[in-house]
Amino acid sequence: MNLLEHLQIQTKELTKKRVILTMNVASFHKQPYGIVHGGINAVLIETACSMGANEQFSTENAYAVGVDLQVNHLKSVTEGILTVIAQPNHIGGSLQVWEGKVFNESEELVSVGRCTLMKRISK
C-alpha cells in the first residue's frame, strides 16, 4: 500500500499544467486536538506538486524529487473534504517550482505551499 492509498487521497485531475487531489477527512488524519494534522496539508501539497512535475518528463527513467517544501497553515479543519490544486510557477531543465493550495468544502483557503523539485535520472 502506498501513501496515497493509506491516506485515501484521490486524483481528480493530472496534467502538465494542473493537478487536483481530494481527501475525505477521517479520524486518522487528525492530531490529538481533533483538527487535521499540518503534515497532511504538506503531504497533499507535495504529492500534487510531485505528480505535476513528473508529468513534464517524456522518458521513463526521469522522475522528480522534492528538495524543498514550504507550507503555511491558514485555517484549521475538523471534517469534510480537502482539495489541493497545484500549478507550476517554473519548469526548468533540472528544477521545477510548483505552488499548491488546499481548500475546504466551503472553498476557503486552508493552506498554501511551494515545492521545489529536482529532476533525477534512474540508471
PDB file of N, CA and C in Angstrom:
ATOM      1  N   MET A   1       0.850  -1.176   0.000  1.00  0.00           N
ATOM      2  CA  MET A   1       0.000   0.000   0.000  1.00  0.00           C
ATOM      3  C   MET A   1       0.900   1.245   0.000  1.00  0.00           C
ATOM      4  N   ASN A   2       0.623   2.191  -0.882  1.00  0.00           N
ATOM      5  CA  ASN A   2       1.405   3.420  -0.901  1.00  0.00           C
ATOM      6  C   ASN A   2       0.713   4.504  -0.061  1.00  0.00           C
ATOM      7  N   LEU A   3       1.365   5.661   0.060  1.00  0.00           N
ATOM      8  CA  LEU A   3       0.854   6.735   0.917  1.00  0.00           C
ATOM      9  C   LEU A   3      -0.499   7.254   0.453  1.00  0.00           C
ATOM     10  N   LEU A   4      -0.681   7.403  -0.857  1.00  0.00           N
ATOM     11  CA  LEU A   4      -1.968   7.871  -1.377  1.00  0.00           C
ATOM     12  C   LEU A   4      -3.100   6.926  -0.992  1.00  0.00           C
ATOM     13  N   GLU A   5      -2.856   5.638  -1.111  1.00  0.00           N
ATOM     14  CA  GLU A   5      -3.872   4.652  -0.726  1.00  0.00           C
ATOM     15  C   GLU A   5      -4.121   4.692   0.772  1.00  0.00           C
ATOM     16  N   HIS A   6      -3.056   4.746   1.540  1.00  0.00           N
ATOM     17  CA  HIS A   6      -3.180   4.740   3.001  1.00  0.00           C
ATOM     18  C   HIS A   6      -3.965   5.950   3.513  1.00  0.00           C
ATOM     19  N   LEU A   7      -3.693   7.123   2.952  1.00  0.00           N
ATOM     20  CA  LEU A   7      -4.373   8.346   3.396  1.00  0.00           C
ATOM     21  C   LEU A   7      -5.683   8.590   2.653  1.00  0.00           C
ATOM     22  N   GLN A   8      -5.998   7.719   1.698  1.00  0.00           N
ATOM     23  CA  GLN A   8      -7.232   7.787   0.915  1.00  0.00           C
ATOM     24  C   GLN A   8      -7.331   9.090   0.116  1.00  0.00           C
ATOM     25  N   ILE A   9      -6.246   9.415  -0.578  1.00  0.00           N
ATOM     26  CA  ILE A   9      -6.176  10.603  -1.424  1.00  0.00           C
ATOM     27  C   ILE A   9      -6.559  10.189  -2.850  1.00  0.00           C
ATOM     28  N   GLN A  10      -7.470  10.928  -3.440  1.00  0.00           N
ATOM     29  CA  GLN A  10      -7.968  10.622  -4.778  1.00  0.00           C
ATOM     30  C   GLN A  10      -7.462  11.640  -5.798  1.00  0.00           C
ATOM     31  N   THR A  11      -7.076  11.170  -6.971  1.00  0.00           N
ATOM     32  CA  THR A  11      -6.651  12.043  -8.060  1.00  0.00           C
ATOM     33  C   THR A  11      -7.870  12.414  -8.890  1.00  0.00           C
ATOM     34  N   LYS A  12      -8.114  13.719  -9.040  1.00  0.00           N
ATOM     35  CA  LYS A  12      -9.243  14.210  -9.834  1.00  0.00           C
ATOM     36  C   LYS A  12      -8.796  14.756 -11.182  1.00  0.00           C
ATOM     37  N   GLU A  13      -7.588  15.328 -11.234  1.00  0.00           N
ATOM     38  CA  GLU A  13      -7.051  15.857 -12.490  1.00  0.00           C
ATOM     39  C   GLU A  13      -5.535  15.770 -12.435  1.00  0.00           C
ATOM     40  N   LEU A  14      -4.932  15.371 -13.551  1.00  0.00           N
ATOM     41  CA  LEU A  14      -3.477  15.247 -13.617  1.00  0.00           C
ATOM     42  C   LEU A  14      -3.019  15.648 -15.009  1.00  0.00           C
ATOM     43  N   THR A  15      -2.471  16.869 -15.130  1.00  0.00           N
ATOM     44  CA  THR A  15      -1.936  17.358 -16.395  1.00  0.00           C
ATOM     45  C   THR A  15      -0.599  18.042 -16.126  1.00  0.00           C
ATOM     46  N   LYS A  16       0.065  18.493 -17.185  1.00  0.00           N
ATOM     47  CA  LYS A  16       1.321  19.227 -17.036  1.00  0.00           C
ATOM     48  C   LYS A  16       1.105  20.602 -16.418  1.00  0.00           C
ATOM     49  N   LYS A  17      -0.106  21.102 -16.466  1.00  0.00           N
ATOM     50  CA  LYS A  17      -0.395  22.461 -16.001  1.00  0.00           C
ATOM     51  C   LYS A  17      -1.177  22.525 -14.697  1.00  0.00           C
ATOM     52  N   ARG A  18      -1.797  21.410 -14.287  1.00  0.00           N
ATOM     53  CA  ARG A  18      -2.596  21.446 -13.064  1.00  0.00           C
ATOM     54  C   ARG A  18      -2.850  20.035 -12.535  1.00  0.00           C
ATOM     55  N   VAL A  19      -2.795  19.938 -11.211  1.00  0.00           N
ATOM     56  CA  VAL A  19      -3.109  18.684 -10.531  1.00  0.00           C
ATOM     57  C   VAL A  19      -4.144  18.992  -9.452  1.00  0.00           C
ATOM     58  N   ILE A  20      -5.181  18.173  -9.392  1.00  0.00           N
ATOM     59  CA  ILE A  20      -6.197  18.322  -8.351  1.00  0.00           C
ATOM     60  C   ILE A  20      -6.346  16.978  -7.644  1.00  0.00           C
ATOM     61  N   LEU A  21      -6.192  17.005  -6.319  1.00  0.00           N
ATOM     62  CA  LEU A  21      -6.380  15.826  -5.476  1.00  0.00           C
ATOM     63  C   LEU A  21      -7.423  16.161  -4.416  1.00  0.00           C
ATOM     64  N   THR A  22      -8.157  15.149  -3.954  1.00  0.00           N
ATOM     65  CA  THR A  22      -9.106  15.347  -2.856  1.00  0.00           C
ATOM     66  C   THR A  22      -8.892  14.285  -1.792  1.00  0.00           C
ATOM     67  N   MET A  23      -9.348  14.609  -0.593  1.00  0.00           N
ATOM     68  CA  MET A  23      -9.236  13.678   0.533  1.00  0.00           C
ATOM     69  C   MET A  23     -10.376  13.934   1.504  1.00  0.00           C
ATOM     70  N   ASN A  24     -11.119  12.890   1.840  1.00  0.00           N
ATOM     71  CA  ASN A  24     -12.145  12.988   2.874  1.00  0.00           C
ATOM     72  C   ASN A  24     -11.458  12.906   4.226  1.00  0.00           C
ATOM     73  N   VAL A  25     -11.671  13.882   5.074  1.00  0.00           N
ATOM     74  CA  VAL A  25     -11.039  13.902   6.393  1.00  0.00           C
ATOM     75  C   VAL A  25     -11.590  12.762   7.246  1.00  0.00           C
ATOM     76  N   ALA A  26     -10.683  11.975   7.793  1.00  0.00           N
ATOM     77  CA  ALA A  26     -11.025  10.871   8.696  1.00  0.00           C
ATOM     78  C   ALA A  26     -10.281  11.072  10.018  1.00  0.00           C
ATOM     79  N   SER A  27     -10.632  10.282  11.013  1.00  0.00           N
ATOM     80  CA  SER A  27     -10.011  10.441  12.333  1.00  0.00           C
ATOM     81  C   SER A  27      -8.500  10.262  12.287  1.00  0.00           C
ATOM     82  N   PHE A  28      -7.993   9.390  11.407  1.00  0.00           N
ATOM     83  CA  PHE A  28      -6.555   9.150  11.365  1.00  0.00           C
ATOM     84  C   PHE A  28      -5.774  10.288  10.702  1.00  0.00           C
ATOM     85  N   HIS A  29      -6.469  11.281  10.128  1.00  0.00           N
ATOM     86  CA  HIS A  29      -5.816  12.474   9.575  1.00  0.00           C
ATOM     87  C   HIS A  29      -5.636  13.566  10.627  1.00  0.00           C
ATOM     88  N   LYS A  30      -6.212  13.356  11.812  1.00  0.00           N
ATOM     89  CA  LYS A  30      -6.254  14.417  12.820  1.00  0.00           C
ATOM     90  C   LYS A  30      -5.183  14.257  13.888  1.00  0.00           C
ATOM     91  N   GLN A  31      -4.781  15.376  14.456  1.00  0.00           N
ATOM     92  CA  GLN A  31      -3.887  15.353  15.614  1.00  0.00           C
ATOM     93  C   GLN A  31      -4.745  15.240  16.876  1.00  0.00           C
ATOM     94  N   PRO A  32      -4.153  15.085  18.051  1.00  0.00           N
ATOM     95  CA  PRO A  32      -4.933  14.802  19.271  1.00  0.00           C
ATOM     96  C   PRO A  32      -5.997  15.842  19.634  1.00  0.00           C
ATOM     97  N   TYR A  33      -5.918  17.047  19.084  1.00  0.00           N
ATOM     98  CA  TYR A  33      -6.895  18.094  19.414  1.00  0.00           C
ATOM     99  C   TYR A  33      -8.083  18.106  18.462  1.00  0.00           C
ATOM    100  N   GLY A  34      -8.144  17.133  17.558  1.00  0.00           N
ATOM    101  CA  GLY A  34      -9.310  16.976  16.699  1.00  0.00           C
ATOM    102  C   GLY A  34      -9.279  17.742  15.394  1.00  0.00           C
ATOM    103  N   ILE A  35      -8.163  18.366  15.069  1.00  0.00           N
ATOM    104  CA  ILE A  35      -8.060  19.063  13.783  1.00  0.00           C
ATOM    105  C   ILE A  35      -7.063  18.329  12.883  1.00  0.00           C
ATOM    106  N   VAL A  36      -7.216  18.557  11.585  1.00  0.00           N
ATOM    107  CA  VAL A  36      -6.335  17.899  10.621  1.00  0.00           C
ATOM    108  C   VAL A  36      -4.885  18.278  10.921  1.00  0.00           C
ATOM    109  N   HIS A  37      -4.035  17.276  10.984  1.00  0.00           N
ATOM    110  CA  HIS A  37      -2.615  17.475  11.250  1.00  0.00           C
ATOM    111  C   HIS A  37      -1.999  18.287  10.114  1.00  0.00           C
ATOM    112  N   GLY A  38      -1.142  19.241  10.445  1.00  0.00           N
ATOM    113  CA  GLY A  38      -0.491  20.073   9.436  1.00  0.00           C
ATOM    114  C   GLY A  38       0.310  19.276   8.436  1.00  0.00           C
ATOM    115  N   GLY A  39       0.823  18.142   8.853  1.00  0.00           N
ATOM    116  CA  GLY A  39       1.566  17.288   7.941  1.00  0.00           C
ATOM    117  C   GLY A  39       0.707  16.762   6.803  1.00  0.00           C
ATOM    118  N   ILE A  40      -0.582  16.640   7.044  1.00  0.00           N
ATOM    119  CA  ILE A  40      -1.495  16.205   5.979  1.00  0.00           C
ATOM    120  C   ILE A  40      -1.536  17.253   4.880  1.00  0.00           C
ATOM    121  N   ASN A  41      -1.610  18.537   5.260  1.00  0.00           N
ATOM    122  CA  ASN A  41      -1.570  19.601   4.250  1.00  0.00           C
ATOM    123  C   ASN A  41      -0.276  19.522   3.447  1.00  0.00           C
ATOM    124  N   ALA A  42       0.825  19.285   4.141  1.00  0.00           N
ATOM    125  CA  ALA A  42       2.123  19.168   3.470  1.00  0.00           C
ATOM    126  C   ALA A  42       2.136  17.984   2.510  1.00  0.00           C
ATOM    127  N   VAL A  43       1.593  16.867   2.926  1.00  0.00           N
ATOM    128  CA  VAL A  43       1.532  15.686   2.059  1.00  0.00           C
ATOM    129  C   VAL A  43       0.687  15.981   0.824  1.00  0.00           C
ATOM    130  N   LEU A  44      -0.465  16.608   1.021  1.00  0.00           N
ATOM    131  CA  LEU A  44      -1.314  16.939  -0.124  1.00  0.00           C
ATOM    132  C   LEU A  44      -0.584  17.849  -1.109  1.00  0.00           C
ATOM    133  N   ILE A  45       0.062  18.881  -0.582  1.00  0.00           N
ATOM    134  CA  ILE A  45       0.757  19.837  -1.450  1.00  0.00           C
ATOM    135  C   ILE A  45       1.929  19.187  -2.168  1.00  0.00           C
ATOM    136  N   GLU A  46       2.810  18.514  -1.428  1.00  0.00           N
ATOM    137  CA  GLU A  46       3.980  17.930  -2.079  1.00  0.00           C
ATOM    138  C   GLU A  46       3.594  16.822  -3.049  1.00  0.00           C
ATOM    139  N   THR A  47       2.585  16.051  -2.722  1.00  0.00           N
ATOM    140  CA  THR A  47       2.147  14.983  -3.619  1.00  0.00           C
ATOM    141  C   THR A  47       1.621  15.555  -4.927  1.00  0.00           C
ATOM    142  N   ALA A  48       0.757  16.560  -4.841  1.00  0.00           N
ATOM    143  CA  ALA A  48       0.197  17.165  -6.050  1.00  0.00           C
ATOM    144  C   ALA A  48       1.297  17.808  -6.896  1.00  0.00           C
ATOM    145  N   CYS A  49       2.207  18.523  -6.246  1.00  0.00           N
ATOM    146  CA  CYS A  49       3.308  19.168  -6.969  1.00  0.00           C
ATOM    147  C   CYS A  49       4.209  18.126  -7.625  1.00  0.00           C
ATOM    148  N   SER A  50       4.513  17.062  -6.926  1.00  0.00           N
ATOM    149  CA  SER A  50       5.367  15.997  -7.472  1.00  0.00           C
ATOM    150  C   SER A  50       4.710  15.310  -8.655  1.00  0.00           C
ATOM    151  N   MET A  51       3.433  15.057  -8.545  1.00  0.00           N
ATOM    152  CA  MET A  51       2.727  14.407  -9.650  1.00  0.00           C
ATOM    153  C   MET A  51       2.761  15.284 -10.898  1.00  0.00           C
ATOM    154  N   GLY A  52       2.530  16.579 -10.713  1.00  0.00           N
ATOM    155  CA  GLY A  52       2.584  17.501 -11.847  1.00  0.00           C
ATOM    156  C   GLY A  52       3.973  17.602 -12.437  1.00  0.00           C
ATOM    157  N   ALA A  53       4.969  17.652 -11.568  1.00  0.00           N
ATOM    158  CA  ALA A  53       6.354  17.738 -12.036  1.00  0.00           C
ATOM    159  C   ALA A  53       6.713  16.505 -12.862  1.00  0.00           C
ATOM    160  N   ASN A  54       6.267  15.353 -12.438  1.00  0.00           N
ATOM    161  CA  ASN A  54       6.567  14.125 -13.172  1.00  0.00           C
ATOM    162  C   ASN A  54       5.867  14.047 -14.519  1.00  0.00           C
ATOM    163  N   GLU A  55       4.783  14.786 -14.678  1.00  0.00           N
ATOM    164  CA  GLU A  55       4.094  14.830 -15.966  1.00  0.00           C
ATOM    165  C   GLU A  55       4.933  15.537 -17.035  1.00  0.00           C
ATOM    166  N   GLN A  56       5.928  16.305 -16.618  1.00  0.00           N
ATOM    167  CA  GLN A  56       6.756  17.073 -17.551  1.00  0.00           C
ATOM    168  C   GLN A  56       7.746  16.202 -18.312  1.00  0.00           C
ATOM    169  N   PHE A  57       8.021  15.005 -17.823  1.00  0.00           N
ATOM    170  CA  PHE A  57       9.076  14.175 -18.395  1.00  0.00           C
ATOM    171  C   PHE A  57       8.530  13.211 -19.443  1.00  0.00           C
ATOM    172  N   SER A  58       9.259  13.109 -20.553  1.00  0.00           N
ATOM    173  CA  SER A  58       8.833  12.218 -21.632  1.00  0.00           C
ATOM    174  C   SER A  58       9.547  10.865 -21.584  1.00  0.00           C
ATOM    175  N   THR A  59      10.594  10.761 -20.764  1.00  0.00           N
ATOM    176  CA  THR A  59      11.315   9.491 -20.657  1.00  0.00           C
ATOM    177  C   THR A  59      10.939   8.789 -19.359  1.00  0.00           C
ATOM    178  N   GLU A  60      10.905   7.479 -19.411  1.00  0.00           N
ATOM    179  CA  GLU A  60      10.502   6.685 -18.247  1.00  0.00           C
ATOM    180  C   GLU A  60      11.520   6.702 -17.125  1.00  0.00           C
ATOM    181  N   ASN A  61      12.793   6.994 -17.443  1.00  0.00           N
ATOM    182  CA  ASN A  61      13.817   6.931 -16.403  1.00  0.00           C
ATOM    183  C   ASN A  61      14.005   8.264 -15.671  1.00  0.00           C
ATOM    184  N   ALA A  62      13.246   9.301 -16.047  1.00  0.00           N
ATOM    185  CA  ALA A  62      13.326  10.589 -15.356  1.00  0.00           C
ATOM    186  C   ALA A  62      12.186  10.691 -14.349  1.00  0.00           C
ATOM    187  N   TYR A  63      12.493  11.260 -13.198  1.00  0.00           N
ATOM    188  CA  TYR A  63      11.466  11.473 -12.187  1.00  0.00           C
ATOM    189  C   TYR A  63      11.847  12.674 -11.324  1.00  0.00           C
ATOM    190  N   ALA A  64      10.874  13.265 -10.682  1.00  0.00           N
ATOM    191  CA  ALA A  64      11.095  14.449  -9.861  1.00  0.00           C
ATOM    192  C   ALA A  64      11.095  14.075  -8.385  1.00  0.00           C
ATOM    193  N   VAL A  65      12.002  14.691  -7.648  1.00  0.00           N
ATOM    194  CA  VAL A  65      12.036  14.522  -6.192  1.00  0.00           C
ATOM    195  C   VAL A  65      11.990  15.906  -5.543  1.00  0.00           C
ATOM    196  N   GLY A  66      11.258  16.011  -4.460  1.00  0.00           N
ATOM    197  CA  GLY A  66      11.171  17.276  -3.747  1.00  0.00           C
ATOM    198  C   GLY A  66      12.473  17.578  -3.022  1.00  0.00           C
ATOM    199  N   VAL A  67      12.945  18.819  -3.159  1.00  0.00           N
ATOM    200  CA  VAL A  67      14.161  19.242  -2.451  1.00  0.00           C
ATOM    201  C   VAL A  67      13.866  20.362  -1.453  1.00  0.00           C
ATOM    202  N   ASP A  68      12.682  20.957  -1.551  1.00  0.00           N
ATOM    203  CA  ASP A  68      12.291  21.992  -0.598  1.00  0.00           C
ATOM    204  C   ASP A  68      10.771  22.071  -0.572  1.00  0.00           C
ATOM    205  N   LEU A  69      10.219  22.239   0.613  1.00  0.00           N
ATOM    206  CA  LEU A  69       8.774  22.390   0.783  1.00  0.00           C
ATOM    207  C   LEU A  69       8.528  23.426   1.860  1.00  0.00           C
ATOM    208  N   GLN A  70       7.752  24.432   1.523  1.00  0.00           N
ATOM    209  CA  GLN A  70       7.367  25.468   2.480  1.00  0.00           C
ATOM    210  C   GLN A  70       5.846  25.501   2.529  1.00  0.00           C
ATOM    211  N   VAL A  71       5.291  25.408   3.721  1.00  0.00           N
ATOM    212  CA  VAL A  71       3.838  25.343   3.876  1.00  0.00           C
ATOM    213  C   VAL A  71       3.393  26.339   4.940  1.00  0.00           C
ATOM    214  N   ASN A  72       2.335  27.070   4.626  1.00  0.00           N
ATOM    215  CA  ASN A  72       1.691  27.946   5.597  1.00  0.00           C
ATOM    216  C   ASN A  72       0.288  27.421   5.853  1.00  0.00           C
ATOM    217  N   HIS A  73      -0.030  27.194   7.122  1.00  0.00           N
ATOM    218  CA  HIS A  73      -1.359  26.734   7.524  1.00  0.00           C
ATOM    219  C   HIS A  73      -2.174  27.971   7.873  1.00  0.00           C
ATOM    220  N   LEU A  74      -3.316  28.142   7.224  1.00  0.00           N
ATOM    221  CA  LEU A  74      -4.098  29.365   7.355  1.00  0.00           C
ATOM    222  C   LEU A  74      -5.412  29.183   8.100  1.00  0.00           C
ATOM    223  N   LYS A  75      -5.952  27.974   8.074  1.00  0.00           N
ATOM    224  CA  LYS A  75      -7.256  27.732   8.697  1.00  0.00           C
ATOM    225  C   LYS A  75      -7.321  26.269   9.125  1.00  0.00           C
ATOM    226  N   SER A  76      -7.858  26.019  10.309  1.00  0.00           N
ATOM    227  CA  SER A  76      -7.971  24.631  10.772  1.00  0.00           C
ATOM    228  C   SER A  76      -9.202  23.965  10.169  1.00  0.00           C
ATOM    229  N   VAL A  77      -9.118  22.629  10.078  1.00  0.00           N
ATOM    230  CA  VAL A  77     -10.198  21.815   9.521  1.00  0.00           C
ATOM    231  C   VAL A  77     -10.439  20.647  10.458  1.00  0.00           C
ATOM    232  N   THR A  78     -11.720  20.346  10.710  1.00  0.00           N
ATOM    233  CA  THR A  78     -12.063  19.214  11.567  1.00  0.00           C
ATOM    234  C   THR A  78     -12.817  18.111  10.830  1.00  0.00           C
ATOM    235  N   GLU A  79     -13.408  18.451   9.691  1.00  0.00           N
ATOM    236  CA  GLU A  79     -14.177  17.460   8.936  1.00  0.00           C
ATOM    237  C   GLU A  79     -14.362  17.928   7.498  1.00  0.00           C
ATOM    238  N   GLY A  80     -14.885  17.036   6.665  1.00  0.00           N
ATOM    239  CA  GLY A  80     -15.202  17.392   5.286  1.00  0.00           C
ATOM    240  C   GLY A  80     -14.178  16.896   4.295  1.00  0.00           C
ATOM    241  N   ILE A  81     -14.184  17.527   3.145  1.00  0.00           N
ATOM    242  CA  ILE A  81     -13.298  17.153   2.045  1.00  0.00           C
ATOM    243  C   ILE A  81     -12.281  18.267   1.831  1.00  0.00           C
ATOM    244  N   LEU A  82     -11.020  17.875   1.732  1.00  0.00           N
ATOM    245  CA  LEU A  82      -9.962  18.818   1.384  1.00  0.00           C
ATOM    246  C   LEU A  82      -9.613  18.620  -0.083  1.00  0.00           C
ATOM    247  N   THR A  83      -9.372  19.724  -0.772  1.00  0.00           N
ATOM    248  CA  THR A  83      -8.975  19.698  -2.176  1.00  0.00           C
ATOM    249  C   THR A  83      -7.701  20.494  -2.332  1.00  0.00           C
ATOM    250  N   VAL A  84      -6.707  19.901  -2.973  1.00  0.00           N
ATOM    251  CA  VAL A  84      -5.474  20.625  -3.280  1.00  0.00           C
ATOM    252  C   VAL A  84      -5.402  20.830  -4.783  1.00  0.00           C
ATOM    253  N   ILE A  85      -5.028  22.052  -5.163  1.00  0.00           N
ATOM    254  CA  ILE A  85      -4.812  22.388  -6.561  1.00  0.00           C
ATOM    255  C   ILE A  85      -3.375  22.866  -6.692  1.00  0.00           C
ATOM    256  N   ALA A  86      -2.608  22.192  -7.527  1.00  0.00           N
ATOM    257  CA  ALA A  86      -1.194  22.543  -7.729  1.00  0.00           C
ATOM    258  C   ALA A  86      -0.974  22.985  -9.165  1.00  0.00           C
ATOM    259  N   GLN A  87      -0.166  24.060  -9.309  1.00  0.00           N
ATOM    260  CA  GLN A  87       0.173  24.586 -10.626  1.00  0.00           C
ATOM    261  C   GLN A  87       1.636  25.005 -10.628  1.00  0.00           C
ATOM    262  N   PRO A  88       2.298  24.902 -11.783  1.00  0.00           N
ATOM    263  CA  PRO A  88       3.715  25.256 -11.824  1.00  0.00           C
ATOM    264  C   PRO A  88       3.943  26.764 -11.815  1.00  0.00           C
ATOM    265  N   ASN A  89       4.997  27.185 -11.114  1.00  0.00           N
ATOM    266  CA  ASN A  89       5.489  28.560 -11.188  1.00  0.00           C
ATOM    267  C   ASN A  89       6.664  28.631 -12.158  1.00  0.00           C
ATOM    268  N   HIS A  90       7.431  27.517 -12.256  1.00  0.00           N
ATOM    269  CA  HIS A  90       8.604  27.472 -13.127  1.00  0.00           C
ATOM    270  C   HIS A  90       8.905  26.029 -13.502  1.00  0.00           C
ATOM    271  N   ILE A  91       9.082  25.795 -14.796  1.00  0.00           N
ATOM    272  CA  ILE A  91       9.504  24.483 -15.292  1.00  0.00           C
ATOM    273  C   ILE A  91      10.853  24.698 -15.973  1.00  0.00           C
ATOM    274  N   GLY A  92      11.918  24.263 -15.328  1.00  0.00           N
ATOM    275  CA  GLY A  92      13.257  24.386 -15.892  1.00  0.00           C
ATOM    276  C   GLY A  92      13.780  23.042 -16.350  1.00  0.00           C
ATOM    277  N   GLY A  93      15.017  23.030 -16.791  1.00  0.00           N
ATOM    278  CA  GLY A  93      15.633  21.800 -17.265  1.00  0.00           C
ATOM    279  C   GLY A  93      15.871  20.786 -16.157  1.00  0.00           C
ATOM    280  N   SER A  94      16.289  21.269 -14.982  1.00  0.00           N
ATOM    281  CA  SER A  94      16.558  20.341 -13.875  1.00  0.00           C
ATOM    282  C   SER A  94      15.774  20.690 -12.610  1.00  0.00           C
ATOM    283  N   LEU A  95      15.279  21.918 -12.503  1.00  0.00           N
ATOM    284  CA  LEU A  95      14.485  22.318 -11.332  1.00  0.00           C
ATOM    285  C   LEU A  95      13.103  22.810 -11.751  1.00  0.00           C
ATOM    286  N   GLN A  96      12.132  22.468 -10.927  1.00  0.00           N
ATOM    287  CA  GLN A  96      10.771  22.959 -11.101  1.00  0.00           C
ATOM    288  C   GLN A  96      10.307  23.556  -9.779  1.00  0.00           C
ATOM    289  N   VAL A  97       9.468  24.576  -9.862  1.00  0.00           N
ATOM    290  CA  VAL A  97       8.831  25.150  -8.676  1.00  0.00           C
ATOM    291  C   VAL A  97       7.323  25.114  -8.907  1.00  0.00           C
ATOM    292  N   TRP A  98       6.637  24.486  -7.970  1.00  0.00           N
ATOM    293  CA  TRP A  98       5.184  24.354  -8.039  1.00  0.00           C
ATOM    294  C   TRP A  98       4.571  24.983  -6.800  1.00  0.00           C
ATOM    295  N   GLU A  99       3.347  25.464  -6.942  1.00  0.00           N
ATOM    296  CA  GLU A  99       2.588  26.012  -5.817  1.00  0.00           C
ATOM    297  C   GLU A  99       1.317  25.197  -5.637  1.00  0.00           C
ATOM    298  N   GLY A 100       1.030  24.842  -4.388  1.00  0.00           N
ATOM    299  CA  GLY A 100      -0.178  24.091  -4.081  1.00  0.00           C
ATOM    300  C   GLY A 100      -1.035  24.839  -3.089  1.00  0.00           C
ATOM    301  N   LYS A 101      -2.346  24.813  -3.318  1.00  0.00           N
ATOM    302  CA  LYS A 101      -3.291  25.455  -2.409  1.00  0.00           C
ATOM    303  C   LYS A 101      -4.323  24.427  -1.981  1.00  0.00           C
ATOM    304  N   VAL A 102      -4.550  24.338  -0.661  1.00  0.00           N
ATOM    305  CA  VAL A 102      -5.519  23.406  -0.104  1.00  0.00           C
ATOM    306  C   VAL A 102      -6.763  24.188   0.300  1.00  0.00           C
ATOM    307  N   PHE A 103      -7.922  23.699  -0.127  1.00  0.00           N
ATOM    308  CA  PHE A 103      -9.200  24.337   0.162  1.00  0.00           C
ATOM    309  C   PHE A 103     -10.113  23.384   0.921  1.00  0.00           C
ATOM    310  N   ASN A 104     -10.995  23.943   1.766  1.00  0.00           N
ATOM    311  CA  ASN A 104     -12.013  23.132   2.424  1.00  0.00           C
ATOM    312  C   ASN A 104     -13.260  23.085   1.539  1.00  0.00           C
ATOM    313  N   GLU A 105     -14.305  22.432   2.028  1.00  0.00           N
ATOM    314  CA  GLU A 105     -15.531  22.283   1.238  1.00  0.00           C
ATOM    315  C   GLU A 105     -16.195  23.619   0.926  1.00  0.00           C
ATOM    316  N   SER A 106     -15.967  24.625   1.756  1.00  0.00           N
ATOM    317  CA  SER A 106     -16.530  25.957   1.522  1.00  0.00           C
ATOM    318  C   SER A 106     -15.657  26.788   0.587  1.00  0.00           C
ATOM    319  N   GLU A 107     -14.660  26.141  -0.001  1.00  0.00           N
ATOM    320  CA  GLU A 107     -13.703  26.776  -0.918  1.00  0.00           C
ATOM    321  C   GLU A 107     -12.876  27.865  -0.248  1.00  0.00           C
ATOM    322  N   GLU A 108     -12.704  27.734   1.077  1.00  0.00           N
ATOM    323  CA  GLU A 108     -11.821  28.639   1.817  1.00  0.00           C
ATOM    324  C   GLU A 108     -10.410  28.085   1.758  1.00  0.00           C
ATOM    325  N   LEU A 109      -9.439  28.983   1.621  1.00  0.00           N
ATOM    326  CA  LEU A 109      -8.041  28.573   1.573  1.00  0.00           C
ATOM    327  C   LEU A 109      -7.595  28.127   2.955  1.00  0.00           C
ATOM    328  N   VAL A 110      -7.169  26.886   3.062  1.00  0.00           N
ATOM    329  CA  VAL A 110      -6.768  26.276   4.327  1.00  0.00           C
ATOM    330  C   VAL A 110      -5.257  26.323   4.501  1.00  0.00           C
ATOM    331  N   SER A 111      -4.543  26.090   3.405  1.00  0.00           N
ATOM    332  CA  SER A 111      -3.091  26.004   3.459  1.00  0.00           C
ATOM    333  C   SER A 111      -2.538  26.328   2.077  1.00  0.00           C
ATOM    334  N   VAL A 112      -1.348  26.899   2.056  1.00  0.00           N
ATOM    335  CA  VAL A 112      -0.685  27.198   0.800  1.00  0.00           C
ATOM    336  C   VAL A 112       0.778  26.779   0.921  1.00  0.00           C
ATOM    337  N   GLY A 113       1.338  26.267  -0.156  1.00  0.00           N
ATOM    338  CA  GLY A 113       2.723  25.827  -0.094  1.00  0.00           C
ATOM    339  C   GLY A 113       3.414  25.915  -1.438  1.00  0.00           C
ATOM    340  N   ARG A 114       4.710  25.901  -1.366  1.00  0.00           N
ATOM    341  CA  ARG A 114       5.540  25.936  -2.566  1.00  0.00           C
ATOM    342  C   ARG A 114       6.546  24.793  -2.455  1.00  0.00           C
ATOM    343  N   CYS A 115       6.706  24.071  -3.548  1.00  0.00           N
ATOM    344  CA  CYS A 115       7.589  22.910  -3.569  1.00  0.00           C
ATOM    345  C   CYS A 115       8.585  23.049  -4.712  1.00  0.00           C
ATOM    346  N   THR A 116       9.862  22.902  -4.395  1.00  0.00           N
ATOM    347  CA  THR A 116      10.909  22.868  -5.409  1.00  0.00           C
ATOM    348  C   THR A 116      11.281  21.414  -5.636  1.00  0.00           C
ATOM    349  N   LEU A 117      11.337  21.026  -6.901  1.00  0.00           N
ATOM    350  CA  LEU A 117      11.604  19.642  -7.257  1.00  0.00           C
ATOM    351  C   LEU A 117      12.775  19.575  -8.219  1.00  0.00           C
ATOM    352  N   MET A 118      13.555  18.523  -8.089  1.00  0.00           N
ATOM    353  CA  MET A 118      14.739  18.332  -8.918  1.00  0.00           C
ATOM    354  C   MET A 118      14.550  17.092  -9.798  1.00  0.00           C
ATOM    355  N   LYS A 119      14.997  17.209 -11.037  1.00  0.00           N
ATOM    356  CA  LYS A 119      14.929  16.079 -11.962  1.00  0.00           C
ATOM    357  C   LYS A 119      16.021  15.071 -11.630  1.00  0.00           C
ATOM    358  N   ARG A 120      15.627  13.820 -11.535  1.00  0.00           N
ATOM    359  CA  ARG A 120      16.580  12.723 -11.319  1.00  0.00           C
ATOM    360  C   ARG A 120      16.444  11.750 -12.473  1.00  0.00           C
ATOM    361  N   ILE A 121      17.523  11.065 -12.777  1.00  0.00           N
ATOM    362  CA  ILE A 121      17.532  10.033 -13.814  1.00  0.00           C
ATOM    363  C   ILE A 121      17.907   8.710 -13.163  1.00  0.00           C
ATOM    364  N   SER A 122      17.041   7.711 -13.318  1.00  0.00           N
ATOM    365  CA  SER A 122      17.379   6.394 -12.760  1.00  0.00           C
ATOM    366  C   SER A 122      18.280   5.666 -13.742  1.00  0.00           C
ATOM    367  N   LYS A 123      19.094   4.784 -13.196  1.00  0.00           N
ATOM    368  CA  LYS A 123      20.072   4.057 -14.036  1.00  0.00           C
ATOM    369  C   LYS A 123      19.576   2.692 -14.390  1.00  0.00           C
TER     370      LYS A 123
END
